[in-house]
Amino acid sequence: MADAMDMIFCPNCGKRSGFKRALGFGTFFMVLLTFGLWLFMIPFYPARCINCGETRGSANWQNASRTGKIVIACMWVCIVLFILHAMRDNTPRSTDPDQETAAPPVLNPHESRLAELRKKQEGIGWQMAMELEMAKNLASDAEKLSIQPFPDPGERQFLLDKMDQEHQRLAELAESKKAVDAEIAKEEGQQQPAQGQPSAADLPAISGATDAATSSPQVAQDSGSPSQIPPVALNSRGTARLAKGDLDGAIQDYSEAIRLKPDYADSFNGRGVARHDKGDLDGAIQDYSEAIRLKPDYSIAFDNRGTARHVKGDLDGAIQDHSEAIRLEPDYARAFHNRGTARHDRGDLDGAIQDYSEAIRLKPDYAESFNGRGVARHDKGDLDGAIQDFTEAIRLLPDYAIAFDNRGTARRAKGDLDGAMLDLSEAIRLRPDYARAFHDRGATRARKGDAAGAQQDNSRAIQLGWH
């Protein structure tokens, strides 16, 4: 780069020549460093002869005029001041002397203790939220397992143990929360903030997790309940107690869950099952009906109400409820099975066989449906088909005492008295209090001519309640 050259005589070489200013990397660097201010320095660069390379005297600092030296000096001063300004700390500083010297606020012992308790309360809240979610999942698994006619014993015991652990953990957390709440109330009552210091009310609330875990309608707690157990946990504990056979405890838990959450359809259904098992069929039907009112597409409640109506002798109502459950859930194998049982008792053997077969198609390992279809085939006179179904039920469930008894009865009807004796004896071995098996074995012994053995079995059947 060079400026326009004037063709004049060089005082050094004496030739007519031109003069130019050399601009190199240093100039480029200084322009960047000074954000362009260095461009004003270029006119003061020395002009050099293009022949000899020497500068003209007027361009040297020694030969520069006073005005030129002043301009150059001012430019350098401006550049230095600009660089210093760019390097200084531009962080705004407060002009308030009191604020500059004020020390950070110090909490008094009450406030420190209160902050610690609130942090602990938050931790308990998050733990309760996680435990409640786990309890809901276990309750869902238990409900699915309860609709299976022959659930896996190992899975059932695992669920019961896990539910017991969750209920115990929830109870412990509820007690811990209650104790922390009491300590917080005590600290808030004792706190007397000093003048000018922040009070506990000014501290940020850190109990959001506890509020989130307890304010939802699904897990709302009743402050008057000594156990402080949320409805979902009560419902799952009721299901565990029902599975263990503790019907009174199950009804108590379901009722408490309903009191805390009056629209809890699952608890109405669960309490209906417990009441059914206790023999309170009217109470069970009432609970099932309320569950259906709250949840009109509740297929399980329809099926359960149909079973209760069946036991009461209302076969038409039972078939209607089972059919509605099937309409709501077309692949509901248990509803097909239960409707098949109701149709069988109503005398519709073909309809019963059709429903049992559909249940088996939906659930090929449905041992109870094989047994039910076997009974319907036996009553239709298809003894071979009945024995085949009973045998498949036994294969699927080797300790199925009812299927052994039914197969023994079918074998006796076919004249296979020895085979009948084996099956009936196995049924008694599996269920020593099975009155019907003693009665059927007594009848088989009578046909074999064993009058003493027949009398002994019949007497035992009567003792067990056979009539």
Protein backbone atom coordinates (compact mmCIF):
# COMPACT_ATOMS: atom_id res chain seq x y z
CA MET A 1 0.00 0.00 0.00
CA ALA A 2 1.29 3.48 -0.76
CA ASP A 3 -0.11 6.99 -1.11
CA ALA A 4 0.01 8.97 -4.40
CA MET A 5 3.57 9.77 -5.15
CA ASP A 6 4.85 13.33 -5.94
CA MET A 7 7.72 13.27 -8.49
CA ILE A 8 10.29 15.56 -6.83
CA PHE A 9 14.07 15.59 -6.34
CA CYS A 10 15.30 13.38 -3.46
CA PRO A 11 17.62 15.41 -1.17
CA ASN A 12 19.58 12.21 -0.50
CA CYS A 13 20.23 10.71 -3.96
CA GLY A 14 19.60 13.90 -6.04
CA LYS A 15 17.34 12.07 -8.49
CA ARG A 16 13.85 12.99 -9.57
CA SER A 17 11.86 10.42 -7.71
CA GLY A 18 8.68 9.65 -5.81
CA PHE A 19 8.11 9.05 -2.11
CA LYS A 20 5.76 6.58 -0.42
CA ARG A 21 4.78 5.46 3.12
CA ALA A 22 5.17 1.74 3.88
CA LEU A 23 2.17 0.05 5.60
CA GLY A 24 2.91 -3.44 7.02
CA PHE A 25 1.54 -6.02 9.46
CA GLY A 26 2.35 -3.79 12.42
CA THR A 27 0.04 -1.09 11.09
CA PHE A 28 -2.75 -3.61 10.55
CA PHE A 29 -2.33 -4.95 14.10
CA MET A 30 -2.39 -1.45 15.64
CA VAL A 31 -5.54 -0.53 13.72
CA LEU A 32 -7.29 -3.57 15.21
CA LEU A 33 -5.91 -2.95 18.70
CA THR A 34 -7.04 0.69 18.74
CA PHE A 35 -10.37 0.03 17.02
CA GLY A 36 -9.35 2.15 13.99
CA LEU A 37 -7.82 5.11 15.81
CA TRP A 38 -4.40 4.24 14.45
CA LEU A 39 -5.53 5.28 10.98
CA PHE A 40 -5.02 8.89 12.10
CA MET A 41 -1.32 8.12 12.61
CA ILE A 42 -0.68 7.06 9.00
CA PRO A 43 -0.20 10.66 7.70
CA PHE A 44 2.69 11.01 10.14
CA TYR A 45 4.47 7.91 8.76
CA PRO A 46 7.85 8.91 7.09
CA ALA A 47 7.78 9.01 3.27
CA ARG A 48 10.69 7.13 1.69
CA CYS A 49 12.34 7.60 -1.70
CA ILE A 50 11.50 4.84 -4.13
CA ASN A 51 15.11 4.89 -5.42
CA CYS A 52 17.34 5.09 -2.35
CA GLY A 53 14.83 4.24 0.38
CA GLU A 54 15.87 7.19 2.55
CA THR A 55 13.27 9.44 4.18
CA ARG A 56 12.74 13.04 3.51
CA GLY A 57 14.00 15.15 6.34
CA SER A 58 10.65 16.83 6.91
CA ALA A 59 9.15 13.47 7.80
CA ASN A 60 11.62 12.69 10.58
CA TRP A 61 10.68 13.32 14.24
CA GLN A 62 13.82 15.41 14.66
CA ASN A 63 12.90 17.64 11.73
CA ALA A 64 9.12 17.70 12.43
CA SER A 65 7.53 21.01 13.24
CA ARG A 66 6.32 21.89 16.69
CA THR A 67 2.71 21.51 15.62
CA GLY A 68 3.35 18.05 14.17
CA LYS A 69 5.04 16.90 17.33
CA ILE A 70 2.08 18.13 19.43
CA VAL A 71 -0.39 16.26 17.20
CA ILE A 72 1.60 13.04 17.36
CA ALA A 73 1.93 13.28 21.16
CA CYS A 74 -1.82 13.93 21.58
CA MET A 75 -2.63 10.92 19.42
CA TRP A 76 -0.42 8.67 21.54
CA VAL A 77 -2.00 10.01 24.75
CA CYS A 78 -5.50 9.32 23.37
CA ILE A 79 -4.52 5.78 22.38
CA VAL A 80 -3.08 5.02 25.83
CA LEU A 81 -6.14 6.46 27.61
CA PHE A 82 -8.46 4.43 25.37
CA ILE A 83 -6.61 1.20 26.12
CA LEU A 84 -6.63 1.89 29.88
CA HIS A 85 -10.37 2.63 29.79
CA ALA A 86 -11.06 -0.62 27.97
CA MET A 87 -9.09 -2.61 30.55
CA ARG A 88 -10.67 -1.10 33.66
CA ASP A 89 -13.44 -2.94 35.67
CA ASN A 90 -16.79 -1.57 34.50
CA THR A 91 -18.83 -3.38 37.18
CA PRO A 92 -21.29 -0.87 38.65
CA ARG A 93 -20.57 -0.04 42.23
CA SER A 94 -23.04 1.15 44.76
CA THR A 95 -22.67 4.68 45.99
CA ASP A 96 -24.46 3.90 49.23
CA PRO A 97 -21.82 3.73 51.98
CA ASP A 98 -24.14 1.78 54.27
CA GLN A 99 -24.72 -0.87 51.64
CA GLU A 100 -21.00 -1.26 50.93
CA THR A 101 -20.22 -1.93 54.57
CA ALA A 102 -23.34 -3.97 55.47
CA ALA A 103 -22.64 -7.56 56.51
CA PRO A 104 -24.78 -10.43 55.15
CA PRO A 105 -27.88 -11.13 57.28
CA VAL A 106 -27.35 -13.69 60.02
CA LEU A 107 -30.21 -15.97 61.07
CA ASN A 108 -30.86 -16.37 64.75
CA PRO A 109 -30.94 -19.92 66.20
CA HIS A 110 -34.71 -20.19 65.83
CA GLU A 111 -34.57 -19.25 62.16
CA SER A 112 -31.70 -21.64 61.47
CA ARG A 113 -33.58 -24.46 63.14
CA LEU A 114 -36.75 -23.58 61.22
CA ALA A 115 -34.91 -23.60 57.90
CA GLU A 116 -33.41 -27.00 58.74
CA LEU A 117 -36.84 -28.40 59.64
CA ARG A 118 -38.41 -27.09 56.45
CA LYS A 119 -35.67 -28.74 54.42
CA LYS A 120 -36.34 -31.99 56.23
CA GLN A 121 -40.07 -31.55 55.58
CA GLU A 122 -39.34 -31.15 51.87
CA GLY A 123 -37.33 -34.38 51.81
CA ILE A 124 -40.12 -36.30 53.54
CA GLY A 125 -42.58 -34.89 51.04
CA TRP A 126 -40.63 -36.14 48.06
CA GLN A 127 -40.19 -39.56 49.68
CA MET A 128 -43.95 -39.77 50.31
CA ALA A 129 -44.65 -38.84 46.69
CA MET A 130 -42.39 -41.66 45.44
CA GLU A 131 -43.79 -44.20 47.90
CA LEU A 132 -47.36 -43.26 46.93
CA GLU A 133 -46.58 -43.78 43.25
CA MET A 134 -45.11 -47.19 44.04
CA ALA A 135 -48.18 -48.04 46.15
CA LYS A 136 -50.44 -47.15 43.21
CA ASN A 137 -48.46 -49.42 40.90
CA LEU A 138 -48.63 -52.29 43.38
CA ALA A 139 -52.38 -51.78 43.80
CA SER A 140 -52.81 -51.94 40.02
CA ASP A 141 -50.76 -55.17 39.85
CA ALA A 142 -52.77 -56.66 42.70
CA GLU A 143 -56.04 -55.80 40.96
CA LYS A 144 -54.87 -57.50 37.77
CA LEU A 145 -53.78 -60.55 39.74
CA SER A 146 -57.10 -60.70 41.62
CA ILE A 147 -59.11 -61.25 38.43
CA GLN A 148 -57.11 -64.35 37.57
CA PRO A 149 -58.91 -67.51 38.71
CA PHE A 150 -55.67 -69.24 39.68
CA PRO A 151 -52.92 -66.67 40.24
CA ASP A 152 -49.32 -67.75 40.61
CA PRO A 153 -48.70 -68.30 44.36
CA GLY A 154 -45.15 -66.95 44.16
CA GLU A 155 -46.23 -63.75 42.43
CA ARG A 156 -49.11 -63.35 44.86
CA GLN A 157 -46.82 -63.68 47.89
CA PHE A 158 -44.30 -61.28 46.37
CA LEU A 159 -46.99 -58.65 45.85
CA LEU A 160 -48.30 -59.11 49.39
CA ASP A 161 -44.83 -58.70 50.87
CA LYS A 162 -44.13 -55.61 48.77
CA MET A 163 -47.46 -54.04 49.70
CA ASP A 164 -46.80 -54.68 53.38
CA GLN A 165 -43.43 -52.98 53.06
CA GLU A 166 -44.93 -49.99 51.27
CA HIS A 167 -47.68 -49.59 53.88
CA GLN A 168 -45.15 -49.78 56.69
CA ARG A 169 -42.93 -47.25 54.93
CA LEU A 170 -45.84 -44.87 54.34
CA ALA A 171 -46.87 -45.13 57.98
CA GLU A 172 -43.31 -44.34 59.09
CA LEU A 173 -43.11 -41.35 56.75
CA ALA A 174 -46.49 -40.11 57.95
CA GLU A 175 -45.28 -40.26 61.56
CA SER A 176 -42.04 -38.49 60.63
CA LYS A 177 -43.95 -35.76 58.83
CA LYS A 178 -46.27 -35.35 61.80
CA ALA A 179 -43.28 -34.96 64.14
CA VAL A 180 -41.56 -32.45 61.83
CA ASP A 181 -44.78 -30.45 61.48
CA ALA A 182 -45.06 -30.30 65.25
CA GLU A 183 -41.45 -29.10 65.58
CA ILE A 184 -42.02 -26.43 62.94
CA ALA A 185 -45.10 -25.19 64.77
CA LYS A 186 -43.12 -25.11 68.00
CA GLU A 187 -40.24 -23.16 66.44
CA GLU A 188 -42.62 -20.69 64.82
CA GLY A 189 -44.26 -20.14 68.19
CA GLN A 190 -40.94 -19.51 69.96
CA GLN A 191 -39.41 -17.30 67.29
CA GLN A 192 -39.04 -13.59 68.17
CA PRO A 193 -37.16 -11.86 65.35
CA ALA A 194 -34.78 -9.05 66.28
CA GLN A 195 -35.41 -5.58 64.93
CA GLY A 196 -33.98 -5.21 61.41
CA GLN A 197 -33.39 -8.96 60.93
CA PRO A 198 -35.43 -11.07 58.52
CA SER A 199 -38.17 -13.14 60.15
CA ALA A 200 -39.03 -16.76 59.42
CA ALA A 201 -41.95 -15.57 57.32
CA ASP A 202 -39.43 -13.90 54.99
CA LEU A 203 -37.60 -17.18 54.34
CA PRO A 204 -38.52 -18.91 51.06
CA ALA A 205 -41.04 -21.72 51.43
CA ILE A 206 -39.32 -25.04 50.75
CA SER A 207 -42.14 -27.45 51.55
CA GLY A 208 -43.54 -27.58 48.01
CA ALA A 209 -42.82 -31.27 47.65
CA THR A 210 -44.91 -32.12 50.72
CA ASP A 211 -47.76 -29.97 49.48
CA ALA A 212 -47.59 -31.58 46.03
CA ALA A 213 -47.67 -35.03 47.57
CA THR A 214 -50.69 -34.32 49.76
CA SER A 215 -52.85 -31.76 47.95
CA SER A 216 -53.80 -33.87 44.93
CA PRO A 217 -57.32 -35.38 45.10
CA GLN A 218 -55.78 -38.78 44.39
CA VAL A 219 -53.61 -38.69 47.49
CA ALA A 220 -55.35 -36.12 49.68
CA GLN A 221 -54.85 -36.72 53.37
CA ASP A 222 -57.31 -36.26 56.19
CA SER A 223 -55.81 -34.18 58.94
CA GLY A 224 -58.12 -35.77 61.48
CA SER A 225 -57.01 -39.30 60.70
CA PRO A 226 -54.45 -40.57 63.23
CA SER A 227 -52.71 -42.68 60.58
CA GLN A 228 -52.49 -39.86 58.00
CA ILE A 229 -52.52 -42.53 55.26
CA PRO A 230 -53.71 -41.26 51.85
CA PRO A 231 -56.70 -42.94 50.11
CA VAL A 232 -54.60 -44.67 47.45
CA ALA A 233 -52.46 -46.32 50.14
CA LEU A 234 -55.56 -47.36 52.10
CA ASN A 235 -57.03 -48.87 48.94
CA SER A 236 -53.88 -50.88 48.19
CA ARG A 237 -53.63 -52.05 51.81
CA GLY A 238 -57.28 -53.11 51.64
CA THR A 239 -56.45 -55.16 48.54
CA ALA A 240 -53.54 -56.81 50.37
CA ARG A 241 -55.73 -57.62 53.37
CA LEU A 242 -58.41 -59.00 51.06
CA ALA A 243 -55.84 -61.30 49.42
CA LYS A 244 -54.74 -62.49 52.87
CA GLY A 245 -58.33 -63.23 53.90
CA ASP A 246 -58.57 -60.38 56.41
CA LEU A 247 -62.04 -59.34 55.25
CA ASP A 248 -62.83 -57.05 58.20
CA GLY A 249 -59.50 -55.24 57.83
CA ALA A 250 -60.05 -54.90 54.08
CA ILE A 251 -63.54 -53.45 54.56
CA GLN A 252 -62.17 -51.02 57.15
CA ASP A 253 -59.45 -49.77 54.78
CA TYR A 254 -61.78 -49.49 51.81
CA SER A 255 -64.36 -47.62 53.92
CA GLU A 256 -61.74 -45.15 55.17
CA ALA A 257 -60.52 -44.57 51.62
CA ILE A 258 -64.13 -43.91 50.55
CA ARG A 259 -64.60 -41.48 53.45
CA LEU A 260 -61.54 -39.52 52.38
CA LYS A 261 -62.37 -39.75 48.66
CA PRO A 262 -66.11 -40.32 48.15
CA ASP A 263 -65.74 -40.81 44.37
CA TYR A 264 -63.17 -43.60 44.68
CA ALA A 265 -64.75 -46.25 42.43
CA ASP A 266 -61.94 -48.77 42.98
CA SER A 267 -62.51 -48.76 46.74
CA PHE A 268 -66.26 -49.32 46.29
CA ASN A 269 -65.48 -52.29 44.04
CA GLY A 270 -62.91 -53.68 46.48
CA ARG A 271 -65.26 -53.34 49.44
CA GLY A 272 -67.94 -55.09 47.39
CA VAL A 273 -65.61 -58.07 46.89
CA ALA A 274 -64.84 -58.23 50.62
CA ARG A 275 -68.54 -58.02 51.52
CA HIS A 276 -69.32 -60.72 48.95
CA ASP A 277 -66.71 -63.01 50.50
CA LYS A 278 -68.26 -62.35 53.94
CA GLY A 279 -71.67 -63.37 52.63
CA ASP A 280 -73.15 -59.86 52.58
CA LEU A 281 -74.45 -60.09 49.01
CA ASP A 282 -76.81 -57.11 49.31
CA GLY A 283 -73.99 -54.90 50.59
CA ALA A 284 -71.72 -56.18 47.84
CA ILE A 285 -74.28 -55.44 45.11
CA GLN A 286 -74.79 -51.97 46.57
CA ASP A 287 -71.04 -51.25 46.45
CA TYR A 288 -70.69 -52.60 42.92
CA SER A 289 -73.61 -50.46 41.78
CA GLU A 290 -72.02 -47.34 43.29
CA ALA A 291 -68.72 -48.14 41.58
CA ILE A 292 -70.59 -48.46 38.28
CA ARG A 293 -72.39 -45.15 38.89
CA LEU A 294 -69.07 -43.41 39.46
CA LYS A 295 -67.38 -45.19 36.56
CA PRO A 296 -69.95 -46.34 33.96
CA ASP A 297 -67.37 -48.24 31.89
CA TYR A 298 -66.09 -50.25 34.88
CA SER A 299 -66.24 -53.75 33.34
CA ILE A 300 -64.82 -55.46 36.43
CA ALA A 301 -67.56 -54.01 38.64
CA PHE A 302 -70.22 -55.21 36.19
CA ASP A 303 -68.74 -58.71 36.21
CA ASN A 304 -68.48 -58.75 40.01
CA ARG A 305 -72.08 -57.58 40.41
CA GLY A 306 -73.16 -60.30 37.99
CA THR A 307 -71.45 -62.92 40.15
CA ALA A 308 -73.16 -61.60 43.30
CA ARG A 309 -76.55 -61.66 41.55
CA HIS A 310 -75.85 -65.21 40.41
CA VAL A 311 -75.20 -66.33 43.98
CA LYS A 312 -78.45 -64.67 45.06
CA GLY A 313 -80.30 -66.61 42.37
CA ASP A 314 -80.93 -63.70 39.99
CA LEU A 315 -79.63 -65.50 36.91
CA ASP A 316 -81.17 -63.07 34.42
CA GLY A 317 -79.58 -60.10 36.21
CA ALA A 318 -76.28 -61.98 36.37
CA ILE A 319 -76.28 -62.75 32.63
CA GLN A 320 -77.17 -59.13 31.90
CA ASP A 321 -74.23 -57.81 33.98
CA HIS A 322 -71.75 -60.30 32.51
CA SER A 323 -72.93 -59.40 29.01
CA GLU A 324 -72.39 -55.68 29.73
CA ALA A 325 -68.89 -56.42 30.99
CA ILE A 326 -68.21 -58.29 27.73
CA ARG A 327 -69.60 -55.40 25.69
CA LEU A 328 -67.27 -52.97 27.49
CA GLU A 329 -64.30 -55.33 27.25
CA PRO A 330 -64.74 -57.89 24.45
CA ASP A 331 -61.60 -59.84 25.39
CA TYR A 332 -62.57 -60.20 29.07
CA ALA A 333 -62.11 -63.95 29.52
CA ARG A 334 -63.40 -64.06 33.10
CA ALA A 335 -66.68 -62.39 32.10
CA PHE A 336 -67.22 -65.07 29.43
CA HIS A 337 -66.48 -67.77 32.00
CA ASN A 338 -68.89 -66.31 34.56
CA ARG A 339 -71.64 -65.87 32.00
CA GLY A 340 -71.09 -69.47 30.95
CA THR A 341 -71.61 -70.57 34.57
CA ALA A 342 -74.83 -68.54 34.83
CA ARG A 343 -76.10 -70.00 31.54
CA HIS A 344 -75.25 -73.50 32.73
CA ASP A 345 -77.24 -73.02 35.93
CA ARG A 346 -80.09 -71.64 33.88
CA GLY A 347 -80.08 -74.82 31.79
CA ASP A 348 -78.59 -73.32 28.62
CA LEU A 349 -75.86 -75.93 28.19
CA ASP A 350 -75.05 -75.00 24.60
CA GLY A 351 -74.71 -71.31 25.55
CA ALA A 352 -72.54 -72.29 28.51
CA ILE A 353 -70.23 -74.41 26.35
CA GLN A 354 -69.99 -71.56 23.85
CA ASP A 355 -68.98 -69.06 26.58
CA TYR A 356 -66.49 -71.46 28.17
CA SER A 357 -64.93 -72.12 24.76
CA GLU A 358 -64.59 -68.38 24.10
CA ALA A 359 -62.94 -67.91 27.49
CA ILE A 360 -60.49 -70.69 26.65
CA ARG A 361 -59.78 -69.11 23.26
CA LEU A 362 -58.96 -65.80 24.94
CA LYS A 363 -56.99 -67.48 27.74
CA PRO A 364 -55.72 -70.92 26.69
CA ASP A 365 -54.46 -71.73 30.21
CA TYR A 366 -57.84 -71.03 31.84
CA ALA A 367 -58.14 -74.23 33.87
CA GLU A 368 -61.42 -73.20 35.48
CA SER A 369 -63.08 -72.78 32.08
CA PHE A 370 -61.89 -76.24 30.99
CA ASN A 371 -63.47 -77.59 34.16
CA GLY A 372 -66.71 -75.66 33.59
CA ARG A 373 -66.97 -76.83 29.99
CA GLY A 374 -66.32 -80.37 31.17
CA VAL A 375 -69.26 -80.15 33.59
CA ALA A 376 -71.53 -78.82 30.81
CA ARG A 377 -70.43 -81.64 28.47
CA HIS A 378 -70.97 -84.19 31.24
CA ASP A 379 -74.52 -82.90 31.75
CA LYS A 380 -75.11 -83.15 27.99
CA GLY A 381 -73.95 -86.79 28.08
CA ASP A 382 -70.61 -86.20 26.35
CA LEU A 383 -68.55 -88.12 28.91
CA ASP A 384 -65.45 -88.46 26.73
CA GLY A 385 -65.41 -84.73 26.02
CA ALA A 386 -65.95 -84.03 29.71
CA ILE A 387 -63.07 -86.29 30.78
CA GLN A 388 -60.86 -84.66 28.17
CA ASP A 389 -61.65 -81.18 29.57
CA PHE A 390 -61.15 -82.26 33.18
CA THR A 391 -57.82 -83.83 32.27
CA GLU A 392 -56.66 -80.60 30.61
CA ALA A 393 -57.73 -78.61 33.67
CA ILE A 394 -55.65 -80.94 35.88
CA ARG A 395 -52.68 -80.64 33.55
CA LEU A 396 -52.85 -76.85 33.84
CA LEU A 397 -53.43 -76.93 37.59
CA PRO A 398 -52.16 -80.17 39.17
CA ASP A 399 -53.69 -79.39 42.61
CA TYR A 400 -57.18 -78.66 41.20
CA ALA A 401 -59.22 -80.83 43.58
CA ILE A 402 -62.58 -79.96 41.97
CA ALA A 403 -61.37 -81.16 38.56
CA PHE A 404 -60.18 -84.47 40.08
CA ASP A 405 -63.60 -84.94 41.69
CA ASN A 406 -65.42 -84.11 38.44
CA ARG A 407 -63.24 -86.46 36.41
CA GLY A 408 -63.79 -89.20 38.98
CA THR A 409 -67.56 -88.74 38.67
CA ALA A 410 -67.36 -88.89 34.86
CA ARG A 411 -65.21 -92.05 35.00
CA ARG A 412 -67.72 -93.66 37.36
CA ALA A 413 -70.52 -92.79 34.92
CA LYS A 414 -68.52 -94.54 32.19
CA GLY A 415 -68.05 -97.58 34.43
CA ASP A 416 -64.36 -96.99 35.19
CA LEU A 417 -64.74 -97.45 38.97
CA ASP A 418 -61.03 -97.93 39.67
CA GLY A 419 -60.15 -94.76 37.77
CA ALA A 420 -62.94 -92.97 39.63
CA MET A 421 -61.58 -94.13 43.01
CA LEU A 422 -58.10 -92.84 42.13
CA ASP A 423 -59.40 -89.40 41.14
CA LEU A 424 -61.74 -89.04 44.11
CA SER A 425 -59.06 -90.12 46.57
CA GLU A 426 -56.66 -87.56 45.04
CA ALA A 427 -59.29 -84.86 45.43
CA ILE A 428 -59.62 -85.75 49.13
CA ARG A 429 -55.86 -85.75 49.55
CA LEU A 430 -55.66 -82.27 48.07
CA ARG A 431 -58.64 -81.02 50.12
CA PRO A 432 -59.22 -83.12 53.24
CA ASP A 433 -62.36 -81.07 54.04
CA TYR A 434 -63.95 -81.60 50.60
CA ALA A 435 -67.38 -82.98 51.57
CA ARG A 436 -68.55 -83.59 48.01
CA ALA A 437 -65.48 -85.71 47.20
CA PHE A 438 -66.19 -87.93 50.24
CA HIS A 439 -69.81 -88.28 49.12
CA ASP A 440 -68.80 -89.17 45.53
CA ARG A 441 -66.20 -91.67 46.71
CA GLY A 442 -68.79 -93.23 49.01
CA ALA A 443 -71.15 -93.69 46.04
CA THR A 444 -68.31 -95.24 44.02
CA ARG A 445 -67.44 -97.63 46.86
CA ALA A 446 -71.08 -98.63 47.10
CA ARG A 447 -71.09 -99.53 43.41
CA LYS A 448 -67.97 -101.60 43.97
CA GLY A 449 -69.67 -103.45 46.82
CA ASP A 450 -67.63 -101.87 49.62
CA ALA A 451 -70.54 -101.08 51.94
CA ALA A 452 -68.36 -100.35 54.99
CA GLY A 453 -66.14 -97.98 53.06
CA ALA A 454 -69.18 -96.29 51.52
CA GLN A 455 -70.77 -95.77 54.94
CA GLN A 456 -67.53 -94.34 56.31
CA ASP A 457 -67.16 -91.85 53.43
CA ASN A 458 -70.81 -90.79 53.62
CA SER A 459 -70.55 -90.22 57.36
CA ARG A 460 -67.48 -88.04 56.83
CA ALA A 461 -69.28 -86.09 54.12
CA ILE A 462 -72.18 -85.39 56.51
CA GLN A 463 -69.75 -84.27 59.21
CA LEU A 464 -68.25 -81.78 56.76
CA GLY A 465 -71.67 -80.35 55.92
CA TRP A 466 -72.84 -82.38 52.95
CA HIS A 467 -76.61 -82.55 52.66
